[in-house]
Amino acid sequence: MFKKAFKGKKRRLILAVIVLVVVVMGIIMALSKPQKAKDESKEATVHPIQVQPISESGVVKARHQQEISVPEGAKVNLYVNDGANVSAGDVLGIATNQQDLAEATNQVSQLQTQIANAQQKGNDTGDLQSELTDAQRKINRATKNIVAPYDGMLSIDDTDTNNVKIVIDSVDKYIASSVTDFDYDNLATGAVAQVATNSGATTSTEKITFISQIAKTSGKVTTYDFKTTAAAEYRVGQQVTLKIKQDKVALPASAVKKENGQTYVYLVQGGRAHKHQLPVQKSGASYIVDDTDLSSTATIVKAPGTRNLDGKKI
């Protein structure tokens, strides 16, 4: 009888524990449901994403380049070497037309003899003196100075001594680059470009000075040339990388609403959504906005759908 009473007591205890567990689980579920509903009703928000800089390759070029005229067939005597830096007006050497010099020199010698003979005979030498002056001028013209037209660096090719070529690159340089049709509208004259040599040894901040309106097409790729300033420390021919900062942010297409021809987003301020009109530009699955109209630190509703959330707590 004692054992029977004990078994009955044990059953009641197990039953009580089971009931207690069920009650506790019920309380937990009851408390969690409102919280879950609250979480589900909370609007998802995002921050605009700063658009990455345009990155292009470029090459440093001389602002001006020209071949310095050297008379063909002339004997050249240069005072400078290949790669020399010169200033405007510097005499680089002399070029002598050997045939003209020989003919004029011979003519001067003959005229001087004729003048001397005429003077001994007491004859007039006026015409001979005039011819002598012309012949002496021919001697001067047969030898010409080779002069630098502006400050720059020389490239000299004297492989053929009878046809020496001298090219001068100006000290003033620029960087030549190009941009695809996709990024063309994101360039502007005066915009800043961060430039670095491919080795990274030289860096500078340059400005865009020219953007071509004429396209170049290679296969299916369309590009437009543009130029920037170039710091003095760059060398002509150096390969560089340009990064052009974009003062724009990108928004997911779901965040942008259209109404009566206007575009807007719901900007979250003070815990509430506010209808914020702004101009946008479609780009793939995103919209692009100037960061003067919308900061990258702003908070916007990610996907308002067709709902009117203006003034609603977020």
Protein backbone atom coordinates (compact mmCIF):
# COMPACT_ATOMS: atom_id res chain seq x y z
CA MET A 1 0.00 0.00 0.00
CA PHE A 2 2.92 2.30 0.76
CA LYS A 3 4.43 1.54 -2.63
CA LYS A 4 1.12 2.30 -4.35
CA ALA A 5 0.89 5.70 -2.64
CA PHE A 6 4.49 6.49 -3.60
CA LYS A 7 3.86 5.68 -7.23
CA GLY A 8 0.80 7.93 -7.27
CA LYS A 9 2.78 10.80 -5.78
CA LYS A 10 5.54 10.33 -8.36
CA ARG A 11 3.04 10.47 -11.24
CA ARG A 12 1.56 13.72 -9.92
CA LEU A 13 5.07 15.24 -9.64
CA ILE A 14 5.97 14.33 -13.24
CA LEU A 15 2.65 15.68 -14.44
CA ALA A 16 3.23 18.93 -12.58
CA VAL A 17 6.69 19.33 -14.15
CA ILE A 18 5.25 18.74 -17.62
CA VAL A 19 2.51 21.31 -17.02
CA LEU A 20 5.09 23.81 -15.76
CA VAL A 21 7.27 23.33 -18.86
CA VAL A 22 4.27 23.81 -21.14
CA VAL A 23 3.26 26.99 -19.29
CA VAL A 24 6.79 28.43 -19.49
CA MET A 25 7.05 27.71 -23.21
CA GLY A 26 3.66 29.29 -23.77
CA ILE A 27 4.76 32.44 -21.95
CA ILE A 28 7.97 32.61 -24.01
CA MET A 29 6.08 32.23 -27.27
CA ALA A 30 3.51 34.79 -26.23
CA LEU A 31 6.23 37.31 -25.42
CA SER A 32 8.19 36.63 -28.60
CA LYS A 33 5.28 37.07 -31.01
CA PRO A 34 4.72 40.81 -30.45
CA GLN A 35 8.47 41.42 -30.69
CA LYS A 36 8.67 39.50 -33.97
CA ALA A 37 5.74 41.42 -35.36
CA LYS A 38 7.42 44.65 -34.30
CA ASP A 39 10.68 43.66 -36.00
CA GLU A 40 8.86 42.68 -39.18
CA SER A 41 7.08 46.05 -39.32
CA LYS A 42 10.36 47.97 -39.09
CA GLU A 43 11.36 49.48 -42.45
CA ALA A 44 14.74 48.48 -43.89
CA THR A 45 17.01 51.48 -44.47
CA VAL A 46 20.23 52.03 -46.42
CA HIS A 47 22.93 54.65 -46.85
CA PRO A 48 23.76 56.00 -50.33
CA ILE A 49 27.01 54.49 -51.65
CA GLN A 50 29.80 56.85 -52.72
CA VAL A 51 30.53 56.31 -56.43
CA GLN A 52 34.09 55.07 -56.99
CA PRO A 53 36.57 57.31 -58.87
CA ILE A 54 37.01 56.85 -62.60
CA SER A 55 40.36 55.11 -63.12
CA GLU A 56 42.19 55.48 -66.45
CA SER A 57 45.72 55.04 -67.74
CA GLY A 58 47.63 57.89 -69.36
CA VAL A 59 50.98 58.94 -70.78
CA VAL A 60 53.00 62.11 -70.20
CA LYS A 61 53.60 64.17 -73.35
CA ALA A 62 55.34 67.43 -74.19
CA ARG A 63 52.95 70.33 -74.66
CA HIS A 64 54.89 71.38 -77.76
CA GLN A 65 57.18 69.37 -80.02
CA GLN A 66 58.81 70.41 -83.24
CA GLU A 67 61.72 69.57 -85.51
CA ILE A 68 64.34 72.30 -85.58
CA SER A 69 65.16 73.17 -89.18
CA VAL A 70 68.62 72.12 -90.37
CA PRO A 71 69.51 72.79 -94.05
CA GLU A 72 69.62 69.49 -95.93
CA GLY A 73 73.13 68.50 -96.92
CA ALA A 74 74.69 71.09 -94.61
CA LYS A 75 77.69 70.26 -92.45
CA VAL A 76 76.50 70.51 -88.86
CA ASN A 77 78.64 71.36 -85.87
CA LEU A 78 76.60 70.96 -82.68
CA TYR A 79 77.49 72.45 -79.31
CA VAL A 80 75.01 70.25 -77.38
CA ASN A 81 74.37 66.54 -76.93
CA ASP A 82 71.28 64.35 -77.22
CA GLY A 83 69.01 64.83 -74.19
CA ALA A 84 70.33 68.30 -73.36
CA ASN A 85 68.02 70.82 -71.67
CA VAL A 86 68.15 74.19 -73.38
CA SER A 87 66.54 77.62 -73.08
CA ALA A 88 64.80 79.65 -75.75
CA GLY A 89 67.37 81.44 -77.94
CA ASP A 90 70.30 79.16 -77.08
CA VAL A 91 72.62 78.54 -80.05
CA LEU A 92 72.77 74.77 -80.46
CA GLY A 93 75.39 74.74 -83.19
CA ILE A 94 76.08 75.90 -86.74
CA ALA A 95 75.06 74.47 -90.10
CA THR A 96 77.30 75.20 -93.08
CA ASN A 97 76.35 74.76 -96.73
CA GLN A 98 79.72 73.68 -98.05
CA GLN A 99 78.95 74.30 -101.72
CA ASP A 100 77.58 77.81 -101.17
CA LEU A 101 80.52 78.62 -98.87
CA ALA A 102 83.10 77.42 -101.41
CA GLU A 103 81.49 79.33 -104.29
CA ALA A 104 81.16 82.54 -102.29
CA THR A 105 84.70 82.28 -100.90
CA ASN A 106 86.11 81.79 -104.40
CA GLN A 107 84.09 84.73 -105.67
CA VAL A 108 85.38 86.98 -102.87
CA SER A 109 88.98 86.00 -103.68
CA GLN A 110 88.52 86.79 -107.37
CA LEU A 111 86.83 90.12 -106.71
CA GLN A 112 89.53 91.19 -104.27
CA THR A 113 92.16 90.51 -107.00
CA GLN A 114 90.14 92.42 -109.59
CA ILE A 115 89.71 95.38 -107.25
CA ALA A 116 93.43 95.47 -106.49
CA ASN A 117 94.30 95.44 -110.22
CA ALA A 118 91.75 98.16 -111.00
CA GLN A 119 93.06 100.37 -108.23
CA GLN A 120 96.63 100.04 -109.61
CA LYS A 121 95.42 101.22 -113.00
CA GLY A 122 93.40 104.01 -111.45
CA ASN A 123 90.11 102.60 -112.68
CA ASP A 124 86.76 102.96 -110.90
CA THR A 125 86.05 100.02 -108.52
CA GLY A 126 82.52 100.92 -107.41
CA ASP A 127 80.77 98.06 -109.21
CA LEU A 128 83.41 95.56 -108.09
CA GLN A 129 83.05 96.71 -104.47
CA SER A 130 79.28 96.17 -104.69
CA GLU A 131 79.81 92.62 -106.02
CA LEU A 132 82.32 91.96 -103.25
CA THR A 133 79.76 93.00 -100.61
CA ASP A 134 77.19 90.60 -102.09
CA ALA A 135 79.73 87.76 -102.15
CA GLN A 136 80.64 88.36 -98.51
CA ARG A 137 76.94 88.22 -97.61
CA LYS A 138 76.73 84.85 -99.36
CA ILE A 139 79.53 83.60 -97.11
CA ASN A 140 77.57 84.71 -94.04
CA ARG A 141 74.37 83.09 -95.34
CA ALA A 142 76.20 79.83 -96.04
CA THR A 143 76.73 79.37 -92.29
CA LYS A 144 73.62 79.51 -90.06
CA ASN A 145 73.17 79.32 -86.31
CA ILE A 146 70.85 76.57 -85.07
CA VAL A 147 68.72 78.17 -82.33
CA ALA A 148 66.33 76.72 -79.73
CA PRO A 149 62.79 78.13 -80.30
CA TYR A 150 61.72 77.62 -76.67
CA ASP A 151 62.77 75.98 -73.38
CA GLY A 152 62.93 72.25 -73.77
CA MET A 153 64.85 69.00 -74.12
CA LEU A 154 66.58 67.90 -77.32
CA SER A 155 66.45 64.62 -79.21
CA ILE A 156 69.30 64.46 -81.74
CA ASP A 157 69.73 61.91 -84.50
CA ASP A 158 73.11 62.40 -86.23
CA THR A 159 73.41 58.89 -87.66
CA ASP A 160 73.45 60.47 -91.12
CA THR A 161 75.94 63.36 -90.81
CA ASN A 162 74.55 64.92 -94.00
CA ASN A 163 70.98 64.86 -92.67
CA VAL A 164 71.08 65.62 -88.95
CA LYS A 165 67.66 65.77 -87.24
CA ILE A 166 66.96 67.73 -84.07
CA VAL A 167 63.61 67.56 -82.25
CA ILE A 168 62.80 69.69 -79.20
CA ASP A 169 60.17 68.80 -76.58
CA SER A 170 58.92 71.69 -74.49
CA VAL A 171 59.43 71.78 -70.73
CA ASP A 172 55.67 72.32 -70.38
CA LYS A 173 53.95 68.91 -70.37
CA TYR A 174 50.49 67.38 -70.20
CA ILE A 175 48.95 63.96 -69.57
CA ALA A 176 47.00 62.32 -72.39
CA SER A 177 44.27 59.83 -71.54
CA SER A 178 40.87 58.66 -72.74
CA VAL A 179 37.53 57.69 -71.25
CA THR A 180 34.79 55.36 -72.47
CA ASP A 181 31.44 56.59 -73.69
CA PHE A 182 29.92 55.19 -70.47
CA ASP A 183 31.96 57.60 -68.28
CA TYR A 184 32.10 60.54 -70.68
CA ASP A 185 29.35 62.53 -68.93
CA ASN A 186 31.14 62.08 -65.60
CA LEU A 187 34.09 64.20 -66.76
CA ALA A 188 34.26 67.98 -66.54
CA THR A 189 36.87 70.54 -67.49
CA GLY A 190 38.54 71.75 -64.30
CA ALA A 191 37.78 68.53 -62.40
CA VAL A 192 40.57 67.16 -60.21
CA ALA A 193 42.50 63.99 -61.03
CA GLN A 194 44.83 62.18 -58.64
CA VAL A 195 47.79 61.00 -60.71
CA ALA A 196 50.57 58.52 -59.94
CA THR A 197 53.27 56.90 -62.02
CA ASN A 198 52.78 53.16 -62.42
CA SER A 199 55.72 52.64 -60.08
CA GLY A 200 54.03 54.93 -57.55
CA ALA A 201 57.21 56.94 -57.07
CA THR A 202 55.65 60.22 -58.23
CA THR A 203 52.17 61.46 -57.38
CA SER A 204 50.37 64.75 -57.96
CA THR A 205 46.99 66.44 -58.17
CA GLU A 206 46.18 67.60 -61.69
CA LYS A 207 43.25 69.28 -63.44
CA ILE A 208 41.40 68.29 -66.59
CA THR A 209 42.09 70.95 -69.24
CA PHE A 210 40.51 69.44 -72.35
CA ILE A 211 37.81 66.89 -73.25
CA SER A 212 37.33 65.93 -76.87
CA GLN A 213 33.82 65.84 -78.31
CA ILE A 214 34.98 63.62 -81.17
CA ALA A 215 34.77 59.90 -80.49
CA LYS A 216 37.33 57.28 -81.42
CA THR A 217 36.00 53.80 -82.13
CA SER A 218 37.94 50.56 -81.93
CA GLY A 219 35.76 47.52 -82.52
CA LYS A 220 32.76 47.97 -80.24
CA VAL A 221 34.55 50.35 -77.83
CA THR A 222 34.05 54.10 -78.11
CA THR A 223 36.43 56.44 -76.31
CA TYR A 224 37.04 60.17 -76.00
CA ASP A 225 40.46 61.75 -75.46
CA PHE A 226 41.05 64.11 -72.57
CA LYS A 227 44.08 65.97 -71.19
CA THR A 228 45.27 67.11 -67.77
CA THR A 229 48.05 69.29 -66.49
CA ALA A 230 51.32 67.55 -65.58
CA ALA A 231 53.74 68.34 -62.76
CA ALA A 232 57.31 69.26 -63.72
CA GLU A 233 58.77 66.11 -62.14
CA TYR A 234 57.07 63.82 -64.67
CA ARG A 235 59.18 62.66 -67.61
CA VAL A 236 57.93 62.67 -71.18
CA GLY A 237 56.76 59.16 -72.06
CA GLN A 238 56.02 58.05 -68.48
CA GLN A 239 52.98 55.81 -67.97
CA VAL A 240 50.62 57.00 -65.25
CA THR A 241 47.28 56.14 -63.65
CA LEU A 242 44.60 58.80 -63.17
CA LYS A 243 41.80 58.59 -60.61
CA ILE A 244 39.04 61.16 -61.05
CA LYS A 245 36.90 61.61 -57.95
CA GLN A 246 33.15 61.39 -58.49
CA ASP A 247 31.03 63.74 -56.39
CA LYS A 248 28.08 61.38 -56.68
CA VAL A 249 26.31 58.67 -54.70
CA ALA A 250 24.39 55.60 -55.85
CA LEU A 251 20.93 54.52 -54.62
CA PRO A 252 19.19 51.17 -55.11
CA ALA A 253 16.43 51.43 -57.68
CA SER A 254 13.90 50.21 -55.08
CA ALA A 255 14.49 53.32 -52.94
CA VAL A 256 13.55 55.80 -55.68
CA LYS A 257 9.88 56.63 -56.25
CA LYS A 258 8.30 58.47 -59.16
CA GLU A 259 5.17 60.57 -58.90
CA ASN A 260 3.74 63.13 -61.30
CA GLY A 261 6.99 63.27 -63.25
CA GLN A 262 9.04 63.89 -60.08
CA THR A 263 11.49 61.56 -58.37
CA TYR A 264 11.94 61.31 -54.63
CA VAL A 265 13.12 59.11 -51.77
CA TYR A 266 12.05 58.77 -48.17
CA LEU A 267 14.77 60.40 -46.11
CA VAL A 268 14.87 59.27 -42.45
CA GLN A 269 15.43 62.14 -40.01
CA GLY A 270 14.57 62.21 -36.32
CA GLY A 271 13.22 58.67 -36.52
CA ARG A 272 10.62 59.53 -39.17
CA ALA A 273 10.46 59.25 -42.95
CA HIS A 274 10.25 62.45 -44.96
CA LYS A 275 9.52 62.70 -48.66
CA HIS A 276 12.63 64.18 -50.28
CA GLN A 277 12.53 65.22 -53.93
CA LEU A 278 15.81 65.10 -55.87
CA PRO A 279 17.11 64.74 -59.45
CA VAL A 280 18.46 61.30 -60.30
CA GLN A 281 20.15 59.60 -63.25
CA LYS A 282 19.54 55.94 -64.06
CA SER A 283 22.63 53.76 -64.20
CA GLY A 284 22.05 50.02 -64.51
CA ALA A 285 20.23 48.77 -61.40
CA SER A 286 20.97 52.00 -59.48
CA TYR A 287 20.23 55.68 -59.55
CA ILE A 288 23.02 58.27 -59.39
CA VAL A 289 22.67 61.51 -57.42
CA ASP A 290 25.06 64.43 -56.85
CA ASP A 291 26.37 64.26 -53.31
CA THR A 292 25.42 67.94 -52.91
CA ASP A 293 21.79 66.76 -53.12
CA LEU A 294 22.18 63.69 -50.92
CA SER A 295 25.07 62.84 -48.59
CA SER A 296 26.55 59.36 -48.35
CA THR A 297 25.83 59.53 -44.59
CA ALA A 298 22.09 60.05 -45.13
CA THR A 299 19.61 57.30 -44.24
CA ILE A 300 16.81 56.41 -46.65
CA VAL A 301 14.05 53.81 -46.76
CA LYS A 302 15.29 50.95 -48.91
CA ALA A 303 12.01 49.77 -50.46
CA PRO A 304 8.92 51.85 -49.66
CA GLY A 305 6.90 50.21 -52.44
CA THR A 306 3.62 51.97 -53.14
CA ARG A 307 3.07 53.03 -49.53
CA ASN A 308 2.96 56.64 -48.39
CA LEU A 309 5.51 56.77 -45.56
CA ASP A 310 5.77 60.54 -45.29
CA GLY A 311 5.88 61.41 -41.59
CA LYS A 312 5.70 57.78 -40.50
CA LYS A 313 7.89 56.58 -37.66
CA ILE A 314 10.77 54.42 -38.86
